[in-house]
Each structure stands twice: as C-alpha cells, then as structure tokens.
Protein backbone atom coordinates (compact mmCIF):
# COMPACT_ATOMS: atom_id res chain seq x y z
CA MET A 1 37.30 -65.06 -3.33
CA ALA A 2 41.03 -64.39 -3.47
CA SER A 3 40.89 -64.20 -7.26
CA ALA A 4 38.25 -61.43 -7.04
CA VAL A 5 40.86 -59.13 -5.45
CA ARG A 6 43.79 -60.61 -7.40
CA GLY A 7 45.14 -61.82 -4.09
CA ARG A 8 46.01 -64.97 -2.26
CA ARG A 9 44.60 -67.08 0.53
CA THR A 10 46.67 -66.79 3.67
CA LEU A 11 48.58 -69.79 4.93
CA GLY A 12 46.42 -71.99 7.16
CA SER A 13 43.51 -69.58 6.74
CA GLY A 14 45.18 -67.10 9.07
CA ASN A 15 46.14 -69.46 11.89
CA LEU A 16 49.85 -68.55 11.66
CA PRO A 17 51.14 -65.59 13.69
CA PHE A 18 52.75 -63.92 10.64
CA ASP A 19 49.94 -64.32 8.07
CA LYS A 20 46.55 -63.42 9.55
CA GLY A 21 43.07 -63.11 8.01
CA ASP A 22 41.82 -65.33 5.19
CA VAL A 23 42.83 -63.33 2.10
CA VAL A 24 45.37 -60.61 1.23
CA SER A 25 44.66 -58.58 -1.90
CA GLY A 26 47.18 -58.57 -4.75
CA ASN A 27 48.16 -54.98 -4.07
CA ARG A 28 48.60 -55.83 -0.34
CA LYS A 29 46.24 -52.98 0.66
CA TRP A 30 43.38 -55.19 1.88
CA ARG A 31 43.22 -57.89 4.57
CA ILE A 32 39.95 -59.84 4.29
CA GLU A 33 38.20 -62.21 6.66
CA CYS A 34 35.75 -64.57 4.89
CA LYS A 35 32.57 -66.12 6.26
CA ARG A 36 30.16 -68.34 4.34
CA THR A 37 26.94 -70.25 4.88
CA ASP A 38 24.37 -72.04 2.73
CA LYS A 39 21.64 -71.25 5.27
CA ASP A 40 19.20 -68.35 4.83
CA ARG A 41 20.86 -66.14 7.44
CA MET A 42 24.12 -65.38 9.16
CA THR A 43 24.85 -63.52 12.37
CA ILE A 44 27.74 -61.08 12.05
CA GLU A 45 29.80 -61.27 15.18
CA ARG A 46 31.56 -58.24 16.64
CA LYS A 47 34.60 -60.40 17.41
CA TRP A 48 35.07 -61.08 13.67
CA LEU A 49 35.28 -57.34 12.99
CA ILE A 50 37.66 -56.70 15.87
CA LYS A 51 39.81 -59.64 14.78
CA ILE A 52 40.27 -58.42 11.21
CA MET A 53 40.89 -54.84 12.36
CA LYS A 54 43.70 -56.05 14.65
CA GLU A 55 45.15 -58.36 12.02
CA SER A 56 45.15 -55.82 9.20
CA ARG A 57 48.21 -53.95 10.61
CA GLY A 58 48.05 -50.92 8.33
CA GLN A 59 46.07 -52.67 5.61
CA ILE A 60 42.39 -52.01 4.98
CA PRO A 61 40.27 -54.55 6.89
CA ALA A 62 37.19 -56.06 5.25
CA LEU A 63 34.74 -58.85 5.98
CA ASN A 64 33.56 -60.94 3.02
CA ILE A 65 30.16 -62.54 3.62
CA GLN A 66 28.63 -65.21 1.40
CA ILE A 67 25.09 -66.34 2.11
CA GLY A 68 24.19 -68.92 -0.49
CA ASP A 69 24.75 -67.28 -3.87
CA LEU A 70 24.83 -63.71 -2.47
CA GLU A 71 28.16 -62.08 -1.67
CA PHE A 72 28.90 -58.80 0.12
CA TYR A 73 31.87 -56.99 1.63
CA LEU A 74 31.68 -55.10 4.93
CA VAL A 75 34.09 -52.18 5.23
CA ARG A 76 34.43 -49.27 7.65
CA PRO A 77 32.92 -45.88 6.68
CA ASP A 78 36.31 -44.38 5.75
CA GLU A 79 37.09 -47.20 3.34
CA PHE A 80 33.59 -47.02 1.86
CA GLY A 81 34.14 -43.31 1.21
CA TYR A 82 37.44 -44.09 -0.53
CA ILE A 83 35.80 -46.76 -2.71
CA TYR A 84 32.87 -44.44 -3.49
CA GLU A 85 35.21 -41.65 -4.62
CA LYS A 86 37.15 -44.01 -6.90
CA ALA A 87 34.01 -45.41 -8.57
C-alpha cells in the first residue's frame, strides 16, 4: 500500500509516539491508516477515523480498506473535493 502513494510504512505500524498511522505518503501530505480482511465484510469503526484524524497533525487523514481483492480509500468530504478537482 505504501508504494501506491510513493510513501513509507511508519515505524512499528504507528505504535511510536512520533510516527503515527500506518503509512505516510511520499509527499508527506497524507497520513493513512490501513485495515484489511479476507472475510466478506468489515465494520468501519468510528474510533479508527478519530484516531487517524488526531494523528495526521496537519496532513490529510485517510483510511485504506482492503476486503479481499477490493481496495478503497475513505477520505473526508473536503479532501474528496480536492481530489475530484485535480482529476
């Protein structure tokens, strides 16, 4: 996933106080939390979203979700608008 945003995985998958989240994009604009399952469904937890918003500290927070072979990113409406305008 980190290679998709030309970024890097955070140290210890975000368990260190100075390097939170799971992935930081190469341009340092995005802080991404990643969740994955091979099951047919996944429950998105509010605490995941709050966590990545707090940890982003000025970066754009996103949640990467992988369910089997399907992959999506959850972003806030403002960031979606920015992405939409750039496309």
